[in-house]
Amino acid sequence: MYRITKEFHFSASHQLFGLPEGHQCGRLHGHNYIVEIEMQAEELNAHGFVRDYLDLAPFKRYIDDELDHRHLNDVLGDDSVTAERMAKHFHDWCKARWPEVSAARVSETPKTWAEYRP
């Protein structure tokens, strides 16, 4: 199995609701997000790729136009925009366009990652 990943970056705010009183994530706050999209294939295409990285330009545009420097609760329409839910959202968005997508990962801090892999 061949696997590739591509990394994307954006900055945005969010707020998590329903957490215990005083939980820091219940306050409005922001992150410098890192998103990784993983793709896999058993065979390479005619050019020797799983998928040409240039094909992922629409995802970069989506992040830049819809998510970067935005309040994610407003954009994603969810009262609890967690990294886990974002990973699934990104996976589903990409999988609808590229069948090779196998996972999506989201980092909010240098030490934390959430992954969605069906």
C-alpha atoms as a PDB file:
ATOM      1  CA  MET A   1       0.000   0.000   0.000  1.00  0.00           C
ATOM      2  CA  TYR A   2       1.299   3.450  -0.919  1.00  0.00           C
ATOM      3  CA  ARG A   3       0.499   6.375   1.378  1.00  0.00           C
ATOM      4  CA  ILE A   4       1.005  10.099   0.999  1.00  0.00           C
ATOM      5  CA  THR A   5       0.090  13.070   3.176  1.00  0.00           C
ATOM      6  CA  LYS A   6      -0.182  16.783   2.592  1.00  0.00           C
ATOM      7  CA  GLU A   7      -0.212  19.407   5.320  1.00  0.00           C
ATOM      8  CA  PHE A   8      -2.279  22.601   5.413  1.00  0.00           C
ATOM      9  CA  HIS A   9      -2.275  25.488   7.915  1.00  0.00           C
ATOM     10  CA  PHE A  10      -4.817  28.059   9.056  1.00  0.00           C
ATOM     11  CA  SER A  11      -5.678  30.175  12.084  1.00  0.00           C
ATOM     12  CA  ALA A  12      -9.172  30.402  13.528  1.00  0.00           C
ATOM     13  CA  SER A  13     -11.183  30.753  16.725  1.00  0.00           C
ATOM     14  CA  HIS A  14     -13.740  28.462  18.315  1.00  0.00           C
ATOM     15  CA  GLN A  15     -15.510  27.867  21.585  1.00  0.00           C
ATOM     16  CA  LEU A  16     -16.628  24.611  23.180  1.00  0.00           C
ATOM     17  CA  PHE A  17     -19.920  24.547  25.047  1.00  0.00           C
ATOM     18  CA  GLY A  18     -21.215  22.293  27.806  1.00  0.00           C
ATOM     19  CA  LEU A  19     -17.867  21.861  29.524  1.00  0.00           C
ATOM     20  CA  PRO A  20     -17.461  22.098  33.305  1.00  0.00           C
ATOM     21  CA  GLU A  21     -17.402  25.603  34.781  1.00  0.00           C
ATOM     22  CA  GLY A  22     -13.993  27.198  34.380  1.00  0.00           C
ATOM     23  CA  HIS A  23     -12.747  24.811  31.664  1.00  0.00           C
ATOM     24  CA  GLN A  24     -10.337  26.848  29.508  1.00  0.00           C
ATOM     25  CA  CYS A  25     -11.795  25.524  26.253  1.00  0.00           C
ATOM     26  CA  GLY A  26     -15.196  26.922  27.183  1.00  0.00           C
ATOM     27  CA  ARG A  27     -13.834  30.406  26.628  1.00  0.00           C
ATOM     28  CA  LEU A  28     -13.559  31.907  23.167  1.00  0.00           C
ATOM     29  CA  HIS A  29     -10.037  31.102  21.965  1.00  0.00           C
ATOM     30  CA  GLY A  30      -8.048  30.366  18.835  1.00  0.00           C
ATOM     31  CA  HIS A  31      -5.447  28.038  17.401  1.00  0.00           C
ATOM     32  CA  ASN A  32      -2.935  27.842  14.610  1.00  0.00           C
ATOM     33  CA  TYR A  33      -4.327  24.666  13.102  1.00  0.00           C
ATOM     34  CA  ILE A  34      -2.435  22.064  11.117  1.00  0.00           C
ATOM     35  CA  VAL A  35      -4.473  19.695   8.946  1.00  0.00           C
ATOM     36  CA  GLU A  36      -3.012  16.599   7.321  1.00  0.00           C
ATOM     37  CA  ILE A  37      -4.843  14.748   4.570  1.00  0.00           C
ATOM     38  CA  GLU A  38      -3.697  11.178   4.004  1.00  0.00           C
ATOM     39  CA  MET A  39      -4.276   9.274   0.780  1.00  0.00           C
ATOM     40  CA  GLN A  40      -3.505   5.689  -0.104  1.00  0.00           C
ATOM     41  CA  ALA A  41      -3.577   3.370  -3.094  1.00  0.00           C
ATOM     42  CA  GLU A  42      -2.495  -0.150  -3.817  1.00  0.00           C
ATOM     43  CA  GLU A  43      -1.255   0.886  -7.247  1.00  0.00           C
ATOM     44  CA  LEU A  44       0.315   4.109  -8.495  1.00  0.00           C
ATOM     45  CA  ASN A  45      -1.225   6.039 -11.360  1.00  0.00           C
ATOM     46  CA  ALA A  46       0.416   6.445 -14.778  1.00  0.00           C
ATOM     47  CA  HIS A  47       2.614   9.252 -13.407  1.00  0.00           C
ATOM     48  CA  GLY A  48       3.837   7.206 -10.447  1.00  0.00           C
ATOM     49  CA  PHE A  49       1.623   9.017  -7.901  1.00  0.00           C
ATOM     50  CA  VAL A  50      -1.047   8.004  -5.448  1.00  0.00           C
ATOM     51  CA  ARG A  51      -2.502  11.418  -6.337  1.00  0.00           C
ATOM     52  CA  ASP A  52      -0.773  14.549  -7.654  1.00  0.00           C
ATOM     53  CA  TYR A  53      -0.434  16.982  -4.733  1.00  0.00           C
ATOM     54  CA  LEU A  54      -1.500  19.771  -7.087  1.00  0.00           C
ATOM     55  CA  ASP A  55      -4.942  18.137  -7.257  1.00  0.00           C
ATOM     56  CA  LEU A  56      -5.461  19.192  -3.624  1.00  0.00           C
ATOM     57  CA  ALA A  57      -5.512  22.897  -4.503  1.00  0.00           C
ATOM     58  CA  PRO A  58      -9.322  23.067  -4.018  1.00  0.00           C
ATOM     59  CA  PHE A  59      -8.887  21.999  -0.377  1.00  0.00           C
ATOM     60  CA  LYS A  60      -6.300  24.741   0.142  1.00  0.00           C
ATOM     61  CA  ARG A  61      -8.741  27.263  -1.364  1.00  0.00           C
ATOM     62  CA  TYR A  62     -11.528  25.967   0.888  1.00  0.00           C
ATOM     63  CA  ILE A  63      -9.372  26.451   3.972  1.00  0.00           C
ATOM     64  CA  ASP A  64      -8.154  29.888   2.888  1.00  0.00           C
ATOM     65  CA  ASP A  65     -11.547  31.184   1.758  1.00  0.00           C
ATOM     66  CA  GLU A  66     -13.889  29.617   4.324  1.00  0.00           C
ATOM     67  CA  LEU A  67     -11.927  28.857   7.505  1.00  0.00           C
ATOM     68  CA  ASP A  68      -8.792  30.968   7.848  1.00  0.00           C
ATOM     69  CA  HIS A  69      -9.206  33.799  10.375  1.00  0.00           C
ATOM     70  CA  ARG A  70     -12.865  32.899  10.994  1.00  0.00           C
ATOM     71  CA  HIS A  71     -14.897  31.778  13.987  1.00  0.00           C
ATOM     72  CA  LEU A  72     -15.361  28.061  13.319  1.00  0.00           C
ATOM     73  CA  ASN A  73     -18.603  27.744  15.299  1.00  0.00           C
ATOM     74  CA  ASP A  74     -20.187  30.154  12.803  1.00  0.00           C
ATOM     75  CA  VAL A  75     -18.673  28.547   9.715  1.00  0.00           C
ATOM     76  CA  LEU A  76     -19.110  24.872  10.569  1.00  0.00           C
ATOM     77  CA  GLY A  77     -22.480  25.357  12.240  1.00  0.00           C
ATOM     78  CA  ASP A  78     -21.648  23.277  15.285  1.00  0.00           C
ATOM     79  CA  ASP A  79     -21.853  24.378  18.895  1.00  0.00           C
ATOM     80  CA  SER A  80     -18.898  22.156  19.776  1.00  0.00           C
ATOM     81  CA  VAL A  81     -16.216  22.376  17.096  1.00  0.00           C
ATOM     82  CA  THR A  82     -13.667  19.908  18.458  1.00  0.00           C
ATOM     83  CA  ALA A  83     -10.543  18.748  16.671  1.00  0.00           C
ATOM     84  CA  GLU A  84     -12.130  15.306  16.411  1.00  0.00           C
ATOM     85  CA  ARG A  85     -15.199  16.659  14.629  1.00  0.00           C
ATOM     86  CA  MET A  86     -13.047  18.829  12.395  1.00  0.00           C
ATOM     87  CA  ALA A  87     -10.965  15.790  11.376  1.00  0.00           C
ATOM     88  CA  LYS A  88     -14.136  13.998  10.261  1.00  0.00           C
ATOM     89  CA  HIS A  89     -15.385  17.101   8.466  1.00  0.00           C
ATOM     90  CA  PHE A  90     -12.103  17.440   6.543  1.00  0.00           C
ATOM     91  CA  HIS A  91     -12.023  13.725   5.750  1.00  0.00           C
ATOM     92  CA  ASP A  92     -15.562  13.786   4.381  1.00  0.00           C
ATOM     93  CA  TRP A  93     -14.981  16.999   2.401  1.00  0.00           C
ATOM     94  CA  CYS A  94     -11.889  15.526   0.744  1.00  0.00           C
ATOM     95  CA  LYS A  95     -13.244  11.980   0.296  1.00  0.00           C
ATOM     96  CA  ALA A  96     -16.162  13.399  -1.715  1.00  0.00           C
ATOM     97  CA  ARG A  97     -13.596  14.720  -4.212  1.00  0.00           C
ATOM     98  CA  TRP A  98     -10.740  12.188  -4.104  1.00  0.00           C
ATOM     99  CA  PRO A  99     -11.396   8.480  -3.526  1.00  0.00           C
ATOM    100  CA  GLU A 100      -7.824   7.880  -2.328  1.00  0.00           C
ATOM    101  CA  VAL A 101      -8.444   9.792   0.934  1.00  0.00           C
ATOM    102  CA  SER A 102      -7.919   7.457   3.896  1.00  0.00           C
ATOM    103  CA  ALA A 103      -7.621   9.777   6.915  1.00  0.00           C
ATOM    104  CA  ALA A 104      -7.540  13.356   8.143  1.00  0.00           C
ATOM    105  CA  ARG A 105      -5.644  14.687  11.148  1.00  0.00           C
ATOM    106  CA  VAL A 106      -6.019  18.009  12.960  1.00  0.00           C
ATOM    107  CA  SER A 107      -3.590  19.618  15.377  1.00  0.00           C
ATOM    108  CA  GLU A 108      -4.548  22.517  17.623  1.00  0.00           C
ATOM    109  CA  THR A 109      -1.247  22.647  19.511  1.00  0.00           C
ATOM    110  CA  PRO A 110       2.245  21.271  18.861  1.00  0.00           C
ATOM    111  CA  LYS A 111       1.547  18.369  21.229  1.00  0.00           C
ATOM    112  CA  THR A 112      -2.007  17.340  20.285  1.00  0.00           C
ATOM    113  CA  TRP A 113      -3.559  15.600  17.284  1.00  0.00           C
ATOM    114  CA  ALA A 114      -7.006  14.232  16.479  1.00  0.00           C
ATOM    115  CA  GLU A 115      -7.502  11.795  13.617  1.00  0.00           C
ATOM    116  CA  TYR A 116     -10.494  10.464  11.716  1.00  0.00           C
ATOM    117  CA  ARG A 117      -9.892   7.216   9.839  1.00  0.00           C
ATOM    118  CA  PRO A 118     -12.986   5.206   8.827  1.00  0.00           C
END
